[in-house]
C-alpha atoms as a PDB file:
ATOM      1  CA  MET A   1     -27.885 -20.141 -13.614  1.00  0.00           C
ATOM      2  CA  ASP A   2     -27.762 -21.752 -10.187  1.00  0.00           C
ATOM      3  CA  GLN A   3     -24.922 -24.262  -9.930  1.00  0.00           C
ATOM      4  CA  THR A   4     -22.357 -26.116 -12.014  1.00  0.00           C
ATOM      5  CA  ASN A   5     -21.411 -29.796 -11.853  1.00  0.00           C
ATOM      6  CA  ASP A   6     -17.728 -28.971 -11.427  1.00  0.00           C
ATOM      7  CA  GLU A   7     -18.329 -26.694  -8.466  1.00  0.00           C
ATOM      8  CA  PRO A   8     -21.570 -27.876  -6.812  1.00  0.00           C
ATOM      9  CA  ASN A   9     -21.225 -25.518  -3.835  1.00  0.00           C
ATOM     10  CA  VAL A  10     -20.778 -22.355  -5.896  1.00  0.00           C
ATOM     11  CA  THR A  11     -23.831 -20.278  -6.800  1.00  0.00           C
ATOM     12  CA  TYR A  12     -23.627 -18.335 -10.058  1.00  0.00           C
ATOM     13  CA  ILE A  13     -25.623 -15.363 -11.270  1.00  0.00           C
ATOM     14  CA  THR A  14     -25.919 -13.837 -14.739  1.00  0.00           C
ATOM     15  CA  PHE A  15     -25.853 -10.180 -15.773  1.00  0.00           C
ATOM     16  CA  GLY A  16     -29.108  -9.217 -17.493  1.00  0.00           C
ATOM     17  CA  GLY A  17     -27.858  -5.775 -18.485  1.00  0.00           C
ATOM     18  CA  HIS A  18     -25.760  -7.131 -21.364  1.00  0.00           C
ATOM     19  CA  VAL A  19     -28.767  -8.322 -23.416  1.00  0.00           C
ATOM     20  CA  GLU A  20     -29.212  -5.077 -25.380  1.00  0.00           C
ATOM     21  CA  LEU A  21     -25.437  -4.595 -25.693  1.00  0.00           C
ATOM     22  CA  GLN A  22     -24.761  -7.865 -27.519  1.00  0.00           C
ATOM     23  CA  LYS A  23     -25.466  -6.548 -31.012  1.00  0.00           C
ATOM     24  CA  TYR A  24     -22.678  -3.955 -30.822  1.00  0.00           C
ATOM     25  CA  ARG A  25     -20.564  -5.607 -28.136  1.00  0.00           C
ATOM     26  CA  PHE A  26     -17.271  -5.271 -30.051  1.00  0.00           C
ATOM     27  CA  LEU A  27     -17.887  -1.543 -30.500  1.00  0.00           C
ATOM     28  CA  TYR A  28     -18.685  -1.231 -26.781  1.00  0.00           C
ATOM     29  CA  PHE A  29     -15.543  -3.233 -25.997  1.00  0.00           C
ATOM     30  CA  VAL A  30     -13.335  -0.853 -28.014  1.00  0.00           C
ATOM     31  CA  MET A  31     -14.974   2.224 -26.460  1.00  0.00           C
ATOM     32  CA  THR A  32     -14.805   0.837 -22.908  1.00  0.00           C
ATOM     33  CA  SER A  33     -11.187  -0.314 -23.235  1.00  0.00           C
ATOM     34  CA  GLY A  34     -10.266   3.116 -24.637  1.00  0.00           C
ATOM     35  CA  VAL A  35     -11.908   4.838 -21.660  1.00  0.00           C
ATOM     36  CA  TYR A  36     -10.141   2.503 -19.222  1.00  0.00           C
ATOM     37  CA  VAL A  37      -6.732   3.143 -20.813  1.00  0.00           C
ATOM     38  CA  LEU A  38      -7.409   6.897 -20.696  1.00  0.00           C
ATOM     39  CA  ILE A  39      -8.332   6.638 -16.994  1.00  0.00           C
ATOM     40  CA  LEU A  40      -5.157   4.674 -16.246  1.00  0.00           C
ATOM     41  CA  CYS A  41      -2.906   7.082 -18.154  1.00  0.00           C
ATOM     42  CA  SER A  42      -4.408  10.375 -16.926  1.00  0.00           C
ATOM     43  CA  ASN A  43      -4.578   9.430 -13.249  1.00  0.00           C
ATOM     44  CA  SER A  44      -1.193   7.662 -13.260  1.00  0.00           C
ATOM     45  CA  THR A  45       0.530  10.655 -14.888  1.00  0.00           C
ATOM     46  CA  ILE A  46      -0.471  13.060 -12.106  1.00  0.00           C
ATOM     47  CA  LEU A  47       0.165  10.397  -9.463  1.00  0.00           C
ATOM     48  CA  CYS A  48       3.734   9.873 -10.713  1.00  0.00           C
ATOM     49  CA  LEU A  49       4.239  13.628 -10.990  1.00  0.00           C
ATOM     50  CA  ILE A  50       3.288  14.136  -7.341  1.00  0.00           C
ATOM     51  CA  TRP A  51       5.486  11.192  -6.347  1.00  0.00           C
ATOM     52  CA  ILE A  52       8.560  12.463  -8.251  1.00  0.00           C
ATOM     53  CA  ARG A  53       8.402  16.231  -7.610  1.00  0.00           C
ATOM     54  CA  LYS A  54       9.521  17.138  -4.077  1.00  0.00           C
ATOM     55  CA  SER A  55       7.808  20.520  -4.338  1.00  0.00           C
ATOM     56  CA  LEU A  56       4.491  18.607  -4.453  1.00  0.00           C
ATOM     57  CA  HIS A  57       5.213  16.617  -1.293  1.00  0.00           C
ATOM     58  CA  GLN A  58       2.699  18.659   0.689  1.00  0.00           C
ATOM     59  CA  PRO A  59      -0.485  17.453   2.438  1.00  0.00           C
ATOM     60  CA  MET A  60      -2.821  18.984  -0.160  1.00  0.00           C
ATOM     61  CA  TYR A  61      -1.092  17.200  -3.056  1.00  0.00           C
ATOM     62  CA  VAL A  62      -0.789  13.965  -1.067  1.00  0.00           C
ATOM     63  CA  PHE A  63      -4.572  13.975  -0.630  1.00  0.00           C
ATOM     64  CA  ILE A  64      -5.023  14.686  -4.348  1.00  0.00           C
ATOM     65  CA  ALA A  65      -2.750  11.718  -5.135  1.00  0.00           C
ATOM     66  CA  ALA A  66      -4.803   9.551  -2.761  1.00  0.00           C
ATOM     67  CA  LEU A  67      -8.012  10.650  -4.502  1.00  0.00           C
ATOM     68  CA  LEU A  68      -6.570   9.767  -7.933  1.00  0.00           C
ATOM     69  CA  LEU A  69      -5.367   6.393  -6.611  1.00  0.00           C
ATOM     70  CA  ASN A  70      -8.861   5.779  -5.264  1.00  0.00           C
ATOM     71  CA  SER A  71     -10.266   6.490  -8.756  1.00  0.00           C
ATOM     72  CA  LEU A  72      -7.819   3.978 -10.255  1.00  0.00           C
ATOM     73  CA  LEU A  73      -8.846   1.317  -7.744  1.00  0.00           C
ATOM     74  CA  LEU A  74     -12.548   2.034  -8.312  1.00  0.00           C
ATOM     75  CA  SER A  75     -12.135   1.704 -12.085  1.00  0.00           C
ATOM     76  CA  THR A  76     -10.018  -1.453 -11.837  1.00  0.00           C
ATOM     77  CA  ASN A  77     -12.691  -3.040  -9.656  1.00  0.00           C
ATOM     78  CA  VAL A  78     -15.189  -2.745 -12.528  1.00  0.00           C
ATOM     79  CA  TYR A  79     -13.548  -2.438 -15.963  1.00  0.00           C
ATOM     80  CA  PRO A  80     -11.471  -5.679 -16.325  1.00  0.00           C
ATOM     81  CA  LYS A  81     -14.476  -7.917 -15.559  1.00  0.00           C
ATOM     82  CA  LEU A  82     -16.728  -5.717 -17.705  1.00  0.00           C
ATOM     83  CA  LEU A  83     -14.340  -5.980 -20.683  1.00  0.00           C
ATOM     84  CA  ILE A  84     -14.213  -9.786 -20.328  1.00  0.00           C
ATOM     85  CA  ASP A  85     -18.036  -9.923 -20.242  1.00  0.00           C
ATOM     86  CA  LEU A  86     -18.344  -7.783 -23.378  1.00  0.00           C
ATOM     87  CA  LEU A  87     -16.346 -10.395 -25.303  1.00  0.00           C
ATOM     88  CA  SER A  88     -18.113 -13.385 -23.731  1.00  0.00           C
ATOM     89  CA  ASP A  89     -21.245 -15.130 -24.958  1.00  0.00           C
ATOM     90  CA  LEU A  90     -22.389 -15.712 -21.379  1.00  0.00           C
ATOM     91  CA  GLN A  91     -21.912 -13.075 -18.681  1.00  0.00           C
ATOM     92  CA  VAL A  92     -21.736 -14.868 -15.333  1.00  0.00           C
ATOM     93  CA  THR A  93     -20.043 -14.515 -11.967  1.00  0.00           C
ATOM     94  CA  SER A  94     -20.230 -16.308  -8.660  1.00  0.00           C
ATOM     95  CA  TYR A  95     -22.584 -14.841  -6.087  1.00  0.00           C
ATOM     96  CA  LEU A  96     -19.724 -14.438  -3.585  1.00  0.00           C
ATOM     97  CA  ALA A  97     -17.498 -12.663  -6.153  1.00  0.00           C
ATOM     98  CA  CYS A  98     -20.401 -10.357  -7.018  1.00  0.00           C
ATOM     99  CA  ARG A  99     -20.935  -9.418  -3.380  1.00  0.00           C
ATOM    100  CA  ILE A 100     -17.203  -8.776  -2.930  1.00  0.00           C
ATOM    101  CA  GLN A 101     -17.153  -6.545  -6.024  1.00  0.00           C
ATOM    102  CA  ALA A 102     -20.121  -4.584  -4.660  1.00  0.00           C
ATOM    103  CA  LEU A 103     -18.404  -4.278  -1.262  1.00  0.00           C
ATOM    104  CA  ILE A 104     -15.192  -2.931  -2.835  1.00  0.00           C
ATOM    105  CA  TYR A 105     -17.192  -0.587  -5.066  1.00  0.00           C
ATOM    106  CA  TYR A 106     -19.116   1.036  -2.198  1.00  0.00           C
ATOM    107  CA  SER A 107     -16.097   0.970   0.111  1.00  0.00           C
ATOM    108  CA  LEU A 108     -14.115   3.036  -2.416  1.00  0.00           C
ATOM    109  CA  CYS A 109     -17.088   5.363  -2.957  1.00  0.00           C
ATOM    110  CA  GLY A 110     -17.172   5.954   0.802  1.00  0.00           C
ATOM    111  CA  SER A 111     -13.404   6.518   0.793  1.00  0.00           C
ATOM    112  CA  GLU A 112     -13.883   9.216  -1.854  1.00  0.00           C
ATOM    113  CA  PHE A 113     -16.117  11.226   0.484  1.00  0.00           C
ATOM    114  CA  LEU A 114     -13.736  10.766   3.433  1.00  0.00           C
ATOM    115  CA  LEU A 115     -10.744  11.825   1.329  1.00  0.00           C
ATOM    116  CA  LEU A 116     -12.633  14.940   0.238  1.00  0.00           C
ATOM    117  CA  ALA A 117     -13.402  15.604   3.924  1.00  0.00           C
ATOM    118  CA  ALA A 118      -9.687  15.284   4.750  1.00  0.00           C
ATOM    119  CA  MET A 119      -8.880  17.728   1.937  1.00  0.00           C
ATOM    120  CA  ALA A 120     -11.477  20.169   3.289  1.00  0.00           C
ATOM    121  CA  TYR A 121      -9.872  19.965   6.743  1.00  0.00           C
ATOM    122  CA  ASP A 122      -6.441  20.581   5.202  1.00  0.00           C
ATOM    123  CA  ARG A 123      -7.708  23.682   3.394  1.00  0.00           C
ATOM    124  CA  TYR A 124      -9.440  24.924   6.554  1.00  0.00           C
ATOM    125  CA  VAL A 125      -6.241  24.737   8.603  1.00  0.00           C
ATOM    126  CA  SER A 126      -4.178  26.259   5.774  1.00  0.00           C
ATOM    127  CA  ILE A 127      -6.459  29.268   5.192  1.00  0.00           C
ATOM    128  CA  CYS A 128      -8.045  29.857   8.588  1.00  0.00           C
ATOM    129  CA  LYS A 129      -5.112  28.913  10.849  1.00  0.00           C
ATOM    130  CA  PRO A 130      -2.002  29.380   8.689  1.00  0.00           C
ATOM    131  CA  LEU A 131       0.407  29.795  11.621  1.00  0.00           C
ATOM    132  CA  ARG A 132      -0.570  26.381  12.996  1.00  0.00           C
ATOM    133  CA  TYR A 133      -0.649  24.592   9.640  1.00  0.00           C
ATOM    134  CA  HIS A 134       2.722  22.815   9.846  1.00  0.00           C
ATOM    135  CA  THR A 135       2.089  21.887  13.466  1.00  0.00           C
ATOM    136  CA  VAL A 136      -1.355  20.408  12.797  1.00  0.00           C
ATOM    137  CA  MET A 137      -0.828  18.838   9.345  1.00  0.00           C
ATOM    138  CA  ARG A 138       2.207  16.757  10.213  1.00  0.00           C
ATOM    139  CA  LYS A 139       3.146  13.577   8.380  1.00  0.00           C
ATOM    140  CA  ARG A 140       1.587  11.491  11.147  1.00  0.00           C
ATOM    141  CA  THR A 141      -1.717  13.369  10.858  1.00  0.00           C
ATOM    142  CA  VAL A 142      -1.838  12.977   7.072  1.00  0.00           C
ATOM    143  CA  THR A 143      -1.074   9.243   7.343  1.00  0.00           C
ATOM    144  CA  ALA A 144      -3.776   8.753   9.984  1.00  0.00           C
ATOM    145  CA  LEU A 145      -6.368  10.549   7.824  1.00  0.00           C
ATOM    146  CA  LEU A 146      -5.472   8.429   4.773  1.00  0.00           C
ATOM    147  CA  VAL A 147      -5.636   5.155   6.714  1.00  0.00           C
ATOM    148  CA  LEU A 148      -8.969   6.173   8.253  1.00  0.00           C
ATOM    149  CA  ALA A 149     -10.392   7.166   4.849  1.00  0.00           C
ATOM    150  CA  TRP A 150      -9.623   3.761   3.328  1.00  0.00           C
ATOM    151  CA  LEU A 151     -10.247   1.478   6.305  1.00  0.00           C
ATOM    152  CA  LEU A 152     -13.402   2.952   7.858  1.00  0.00           C
ATOM    153  CA  PRO A 153     -15.789   2.335   4.892  1.00  0.00           C
ATOM    154  CA  SER A 154     -14.492  -1.192   4.258  1.00  0.00           C
ATOM    155  CA  CYS A 155     -14.711  -2.137   7.954  1.00  0.00           C
ATOM    156  CA  GLN A 156     -18.293  -0.865   8.084  1.00  0.00           C
ATOM    157  CA  LEU A 157     -19.243  -2.817   4.946  1.00  0.00           C
ATOM    158  CA  VAL A 158     -17.762  -6.185   5.992  1.00  0.00           C
ATOM    159  CA  PRO A 159     -20.857  -7.020   8.129  1.00  0.00           C
ATOM    160  CA  SER A 160     -22.944  -6.835   4.931  1.00  0.00           C
ATOM    161  CA  LEU A 161     -21.223 -10.032   3.757  1.00  0.00           C
ATOM    162  CA  ILE A 162     -22.270 -11.748   6.986  1.00  0.00           C
ATOM    163  CA  LEU A 163     -25.764 -10.254   6.846  1.00  0.00           C
ATOM    164  CA  GLY A 164     -26.185 -11.442   3.247  1.00  0.00           C
ATOM    165  CA  ASP A 165     -25.459 -15.051   4.198  1.00  0.00           C
ATOM    166  CA  GLY A 166     -28.740 -15.154   6.084  1.00  0.00           C
ATOM    167  CA  PHE A 167     -30.803 -14.692   2.903  1.00  0.00           C
ATOM    168  CA  LYS A 168     -31.570 -17.260   0.205  1.00  0.00           C
ATOM    169  CA  LEU A 169     -31.567 -16.313  -3.465  1.00  0.00           C
ATOM    170  CA  CYS A 170     -34.905 -16.043  -5.291  1.00  0.00           C
ATOM    171  CA  ARG A 171     -33.447 -14.704  -8.545  1.00  0.00           C
ATOM    172  CA  TYR A 172     -30.249 -15.476 -10.423  1.00  0.00           C
ATOM    173  CA  THR A 173     -30.233 -12.635 -12.961  1.00  0.00           C
ATOM    174  CA  LEU A 174     -28.809  -9.269 -11.920  1.00  0.00           C
ATOM    175  CA  ASN A 175     -30.371  -6.269 -13.660  1.00  0.00           C
ATOM    176  CA  GLY A 176     -27.068  -4.588 -14.538  1.00  0.00           C
ATOM    177  CA  ILE A 177     -23.630  -5.051 -16.095  1.00  0.00           C
ATOM    178  CA  PHE A 178     -21.579  -5.145 -12.899  1.00  0.00           C
ATOM    179  CA  CYS A 179     -22.265  -5.820  -9.225  1.00  0.00           C
ATOM    180  CA  ASN A 180     -23.568  -2.911  -7.180  1.00  0.00           C
ATOM    181  CA  ASN A 181     -26.308  -2.582  -4.565  1.00  0.00           C
ATOM    182  CA  ALA A 182     -28.781  -4.254  -6.948  1.00  0.00           C
ATOM    183  CA  VAL A 183     -27.297  -7.590  -5.828  1.00  0.00           C
ATOM    184  CA  THR A 184     -29.375  -7.351  -2.631  1.00  0.00           C
ATOM    185  CA  LYS A 185     -32.569  -7.503  -4.713  1.00  0.00           C
ATOM    186  CA  LEU A 186     -31.722 -11.084  -5.699  1.00  0.00           C
ATOM    187  CA  SER A 187     -32.328 -12.284  -2.139  1.00  0.00           C
ATOM    188  CA  CYS A 188     -35.580 -13.500  -0.609  1.00  0.00           C
ATOM    189  CA  MET A 189     -36.124 -11.141   2.297  1.00  0.00           C
ATOM    190  CA  THR A 190     -38.992 -11.997   4.626  1.00  0.00           C
ATOM    191  CA  SER A 191     -38.118  -8.905   6.654  1.00  0.00           C
ATOM    192  CA  ALA A 192     -35.935  -6.172   5.193  1.00  0.00           C
ATOM    193  CA  GLY A 193     -35.958  -4.145   8.428  1.00  0.00           C
ATOM    194  CA  PRO A 194     -32.432  -5.018   9.696  1.00  0.00           C
ATOM    195  CA  TYR A 195     -30.963  -4.494   6.231  1.00  0.00           C
ATOM    196  CA  ILE A 196     -32.656  -1.085   5.856  1.00  0.00           C
ATOM    197  CA  ILE A 197     -31.428   0.042   9.302  1.00  0.00           C
ATOM    198  CA  TYR A 198     -27.910  -1.114   8.430  1.00  0.00           C
ATOM    199  CA  GLY A 199     -28.087   0.695   5.054  1.00  0.00           C
ATOM    200  CA  VAL A 200     -29.220   3.953   6.705  1.00  0.00           C
ATOM    201  CA  PHE A 201     -26.362   3.639   9.220  1.00  0.00           C
ATOM    202  CA  LEU A 202     -23.873   3.274   6.341  1.00  0.00           C
ATOM    203  CA  LEU A 203     -25.317   6.213   4.411  1.00  0.00           C
ATOM    204  CA  VAL A 204     -25.187   8.510   7.436  1.00  0.00           C
ATOM    205  CA  ASN A 205     -21.720   7.401   8.522  1.00  0.00           C
ATOM    206  CA  THR A 206     -19.890   7.338   5.192  1.00  0.00           C
ATOM    207  CA  ILE A 207     -21.732   9.992   3.161  1.00  0.00           C
ATOM    208  CA  PHE A 208     -23.906  12.427   5.129  1.00  0.00           C
ATOM    209  CA  VAL A 209     -21.502  13.020   8.042  1.00  0.00           C
ATOM    210  CA  PRO A 210     -18.457  13.677   5.759  1.00  0.00           C
ATOM    211  CA  LEU A 211     -20.651  15.776   3.451  1.00  0.00           C
ATOM    212  CA  ALA A 212     -21.937  17.890   6.357  1.00  0.00           C
ATOM    213  CA  PHE A 213     -18.376  18.325   7.635  1.00  0.00           C
ATOM    214  CA  ILE A 214     -17.167  19.384   4.156  1.00  0.00           C
ATOM    215  CA  LEU A 215     -19.962  21.941   3.704  1.00  0.00           C
ATOM    216  CA  PHE A 216     -19.456  23.341   7.223  1.00  0.00           C
ATOM    217  CA  THR A 217     -15.679  23.602   6.642  1.00  0.00           C
ATOM    218  CA  TYR A 218     -15.985  25.431   3.333  1.00  0.00           C
ATOM    219  CA  CYS A 219     -18.588  27.794   4.799  1.00  0.00           C
ATOM    220  CA  LYS A 220     -16.087  28.677   7.546  1.00  0.00           C
ATOM    221  CA  ILE A 221     -13.376  29.181   4.906  1.00  0.00           C
ATOM    222  CA  LEU A 222     -15.725  31.429   2.909  1.00  0.00           C
ATOM    223  CA  ILE A 223     -16.583  33.575   5.952  1.00  0.00           C
ATOM    224  CA  ILE A 224     -12.987  33.952   7.158  1.00  0.00           C
ATOM    225  CA  SER A 225     -11.536  34.596   3.678  1.00  0.00           C
ATOM    226  CA  TYR A 226     -14.203  37.274   3.082  1.00  0.00           C
ATOM    227  CA  ARG A 227     -13.145  39.051   6.283  1.00  0.00           C
ATOM    228  CA  ARG A 228      -9.419  38.929   5.548  1.00  0.00           C
ATOM    229  CA  GLY A 229      -9.377  40.686   2.204  1.00  0.00           C
ATOM    230  CA  PRO A 230      -8.986  40.001  -1.538  1.00  0.00           C
ATOM    231  CA  ASP A 231      -5.648  38.146  -1.365  1.00  0.00           C
ATOM    232  CA  VAL A 232      -6.979  35.515   1.030  1.00  0.00           C
ATOM    233  CA  ARG A 233     -10.201  35.247  -0.994  1.00  0.00           C
ATOM    234  CA  ARG A 234      -8.208  34.693  -4.205  1.00  0.00           C
ATOM    235  CA  ARG A 235      -6.094  32.004  -2.568  1.00  0.00           C
ATOM    236  CA  ALA A 236      -9.191  30.310  -1.140  1.00  0.00           C
ATOM    237  CA  VAL A 237     -10.897  30.225  -4.541  1.00  0.00           C
ATOM    238  CA  GLN A 238      -7.792  28.866  -6.297  1.00  0.00           C
ATOM    239  CA  THR A 239      -7.299  25.977  -3.896  1.00  0.00           C
ATOM    240  CA  CYS A 240     -10.890  25.186  -2.861  1.00  0.00           C
ATOM    241  CA  ALA A 241     -12.759  25.484  -6.187  1.00  0.00           C
ATOM    242  CA  PRO A 242     -11.335  22.233  -7.670  1.00  0.00           C
ATOM    243  CA  HIS A 243     -12.265  20.279  -4.515  1.00  0.00           C
ATOM    244  CA  LEU A 244     -15.813  21.668  -4.572  1.00  0.00           C
ATOM    245  CA  LEU A 245     -16.211  20.799  -8.262  1.00  0.00           C
ATOM    246  CA  VAL A 246     -15.086  17.217  -7.601  1.00  0.00           C
ATOM    247  CA  LEU A 247     -17.396  16.985  -4.575  1.00  0.00           C
ATOM    248  CA  ALA A 248     -20.413  18.293  -6.518  1.00  0.00           C
ATOM    249  CA  SER A 249     -19.877  15.943  -9.470  1.00  0.00           C
ATOM    250  CA  PHE A 250     -19.262  12.876  -7.286  1.00  0.00           C
ATOM    251  CA  SER A 251     -22.321  13.577  -5.124  1.00  0.00           C
ATOM    252  CA  CYS A 252     -24.521  13.847  -8.233  1.00  0.00           C
ATOM    253  CA  LEU A 253     -23.106  10.647  -9.707  1.00  0.00           C
ATOM    254  CA  CYS A 254     -23.627   8.729  -6.450  1.00  0.00           C
ATOM    255  CA  SER A 255     -27.238   9.958  -6.358  1.00  0.00           C
ATOM    256  CA  TYR A 256     -27.792   8.600  -9.875  1.00  0.00           C
ATOM    257  CA  ASP A 257     -26.245   5.287  -8.834  1.00  0.00           C
ATOM    258  CA  VAL A 258     -28.578   4.940  -5.834  1.00  0.00           C
ATOM    259  CA  ILE A 259     -31.635   5.827  -7.943  1.00  0.00           C
ATOM    260  CA  VAL A 260     -30.811   3.290 -10.663  1.00  0.00           C
ATOM    261  CA  ALA A 261     -29.517   0.499  -8.413  1.00  0.00           C
ATOM    262  CA  ARG A 262     -32.112   0.537  -5.640  1.00  0.00           C
ATOM    263  CA  LEU A 263     -35.270   2.244  -6.892  1.00  0.00           C
ATOM    264  CA  GLU A 264     -37.647   0.759  -9.436  1.00  0.00           C
ATOM    265  CA  VAL A 265     -36.924   3.166 -12.277  1.00  0.00           C
ATOM    266  CA  ASP A 266     -38.459   2.177 -15.611  1.00  0.00           C
ATOM    267  CA  LEU A 267     -35.533   2.551 -18.006  1.00  0.00           C
ATOM    268  CA  PRO A 268     -34.338   0.688 -21.107  1.00  0.00           C
ATOM    269  CA  LYS A 269     -31.528  -1.723 -20.242  1.00  0.00           C
ATOM    270  CA  ALA A 270     -28.977   0.176 -22.365  1.00  0.00           C
ATOM    271  CA  ALA A 271     -29.825   3.472 -20.616  1.00  0.00           C
ATOM    272  CA  ARG A 272     -29.722   1.757 -17.210  1.00  0.00           C
ATOM    273  CA  SER A 273     -26.283   0.294 -18.024  1.00  0.00           C
ATOM    274  CA  VAL A 274     -24.875   3.700 -18.988  1.00  0.00           C
ATOM    275  CA  MET A 275     -26.263   5.327 -15.827  1.00  0.00           C
ATOM    276  CA  THR A 276     -24.808   2.641 -13.525  1.00  0.00           C
ATOM    277  CA  LEU A 277     -21.389   3.214 -15.134  1.00  0.00           C
ATOM    278  CA  GLN A 278     -21.370   6.971 -14.496  1.00  0.00           C
ATOM    279  CA  VAL A 279     -19.425   6.795 -11.213  1.00  0.00           C
ATOM    280  CA  VAL A 280     -16.612   4.767 -12.815  1.00  0.00           C
ATOM    281  CA  LEU A 281     -16.835   6.610 -16.139  1.00  0.00           C
ATOM    282  CA  TYR A 282     -16.987  10.346 -15.500  1.00  0.00           C
ATOM    283  CA  GLN A 283     -15.378  10.749 -12.074  1.00  0.00           C
ATOM    284  CA  PRO A 284     -12.049   8.959 -12.825  1.00  0.00           C
ATOM    285  CA  LEU A 285     -11.753  11.108 -15.985  1.00  0.00           C
ATOM    286  CA  PHE A 286     -13.023  14.285 -14.326  1.00  0.00           C
ATOM    287  CA  ASN A 287     -10.595  14.246 -11.372  1.00  0.00           C
ATOM    288  CA  PRO A 288      -7.289  14.426 -13.309  1.00  0.00           C
ATOM    289  CA  ILE A 289      -8.713  17.048 -15.674  1.00  0.00           C
ATOM    290  CA  ILE A 290      -9.861  19.296 -12.818  1.00  0.00           C
ATOM    291  CA  TYR A 291      -6.681  18.957 -10.777  1.00  0.00           C
ATOM    292  CA  GLY A 292      -4.442  19.090 -13.841  1.00  0.00           C
ATOM    293  CA  LEU A 293      -5.987  22.329 -15.103  1.00  0.00           C
ATOM    294  CA  LYS A 294      -7.070  24.114 -11.925  1.00  0.00           C
ATOM    295  CA  MET A 295      -4.220  23.380  -9.500  1.00  0.00           C
ATOM    296  CA  LYS A 296      -1.485  25.839 -10.453  1.00  0.00           C
ATOM    297  CA  GLU A 297       1.541  23.795  -9.339  1.00  0.00           C
ATOM    298  CA  ILE A 298       0.332  20.553 -10.934  1.00  0.00           C
ATOM    299  CA  HIS A 299      -0.541  22.371 -14.161  1.00  0.00           C
ATOM    300  CA  LYS A 300       2.926  23.963 -14.268  1.00  0.00           C
ATOM    301  CA  HIS A 301       4.695  20.610 -13.871  1.00  0.00           C
ATOM    302  CA  LEU A 302       2.420  18.970 -16.446  1.00  0.00           C
ATOM    303  CA  LYS A 303       3.261  21.674 -18.996  1.00  0.00           C
ATOM    304  CA  ARG A 304       6.976  21.074 -18.418  1.00  0.00           C
ATOM    305  CA  LEU A 305       6.505  17.319 -18.741  1.00  0.00           C
ATOM    306  CA  PHE A 306       4.627  17.551 -22.051  1.00  0.00           C
ATOM    307  CA  SER A 307       7.011  20.169 -23.467  1.00  0.00           C
ATOM    308  CA  ARG A 308       9.962  17.877 -22.715  1.00  0.00           C
ATOM    309  CA  SER A 309       8.093  14.976 -24.328  1.00  0.00           C
ATOM    310  CA  ARG A 310       7.563  17.037 -27.494  1.00  0.00           C
ATOM    311  CA  VAL A 311      11.242  17.991 -27.596  1.00  0.00           C
ATOM    312  CA  CYS A 312      12.315  14.357 -27.169  1.00  0.00           C
ATOM    313  CA  ALA A 313       9.889  13.254 -29.885  1.00  0.00           C
ATOM    314  CA  SER A 314      11.177  15.958 -32.256  1.00  0.00           C
ATOM    315  CA  VAL A 315      14.806  14.968 -31.625  1.00  0.00           C
ATOM    316  CA  ALA A 316      13.967  11.307 -32.250  1.00  0.00           C
ATOM    317  CA  LEU A 317      12.283  12.179 -35.571  1.00  0.00           C
ATOM    318  CA  ILE A 318      15.255  14.306 -36.663  1.00  0.00           C
ATOM    319  CA  ASP A 319      17.692  11.501 -35.829  1.00  0.00           C
ATOM    320  CA  ASN A 320      15.666   9.045 -37.869  1.00  0.00           C
END
């Protein structure tokens, strides 16, 4: 689909990934909406808990809250439009809206890595330089790290909107169910050199540099905690293990996304659709589970919250 009579200057594209989903689209709608509600509830619960409890107003928990908020934003960028498309007979979007969705998607993915890097720095200062922790990790420092984590990827991705205006469209069907990096394959590129250089710059700046910093930081923590005895080692494992689990899972999911979105992988459309959804399916569910179960303070407050909820529910049933 190229243009409409009502809006002659707007270019539309269709989503080809929904073809094999049409037969069971109502089932997929129920499953997807259930997952989205679960993501909203699980992440929001821990977010509110950190907001309400003053004992959790510490840099480590602030970064965890920021990571959960990032997951909520990432999911909300994809799921509402996806749910509308599952109920629609024709899955279309404007080319500009598709590019903006892809920009937000990759901006938030980049923010995830930078937030994990900020958390690694926080743990490094806490474990390796405990006497300087409150001096280094002040409120101003935490705020600056959060602002940098959210602004840097988006600022680096804005030029892609300008760069994309220089290409004409050769195709109007996107091989997917939402807009990711596959949108660039719709363009007629006589020379992809500038785009490839720009893409490598983004990958290095928003993924490889933070990832190298995270790995270096945790190696330093491992070496220092090993030297300082079992108590420090135990504390390091308790606080760092959840962050490493989240990092490992998110890195794997991003690798799958790049393989499916950019490389010519011969997959059935249904399998391709599931793989492209992994980042916004598993990670937003995985984060609250990991931090809710593995972080001692958060787990303690969650247990109190649910026990109070059960008591209130029991009292309400008795009264009725």
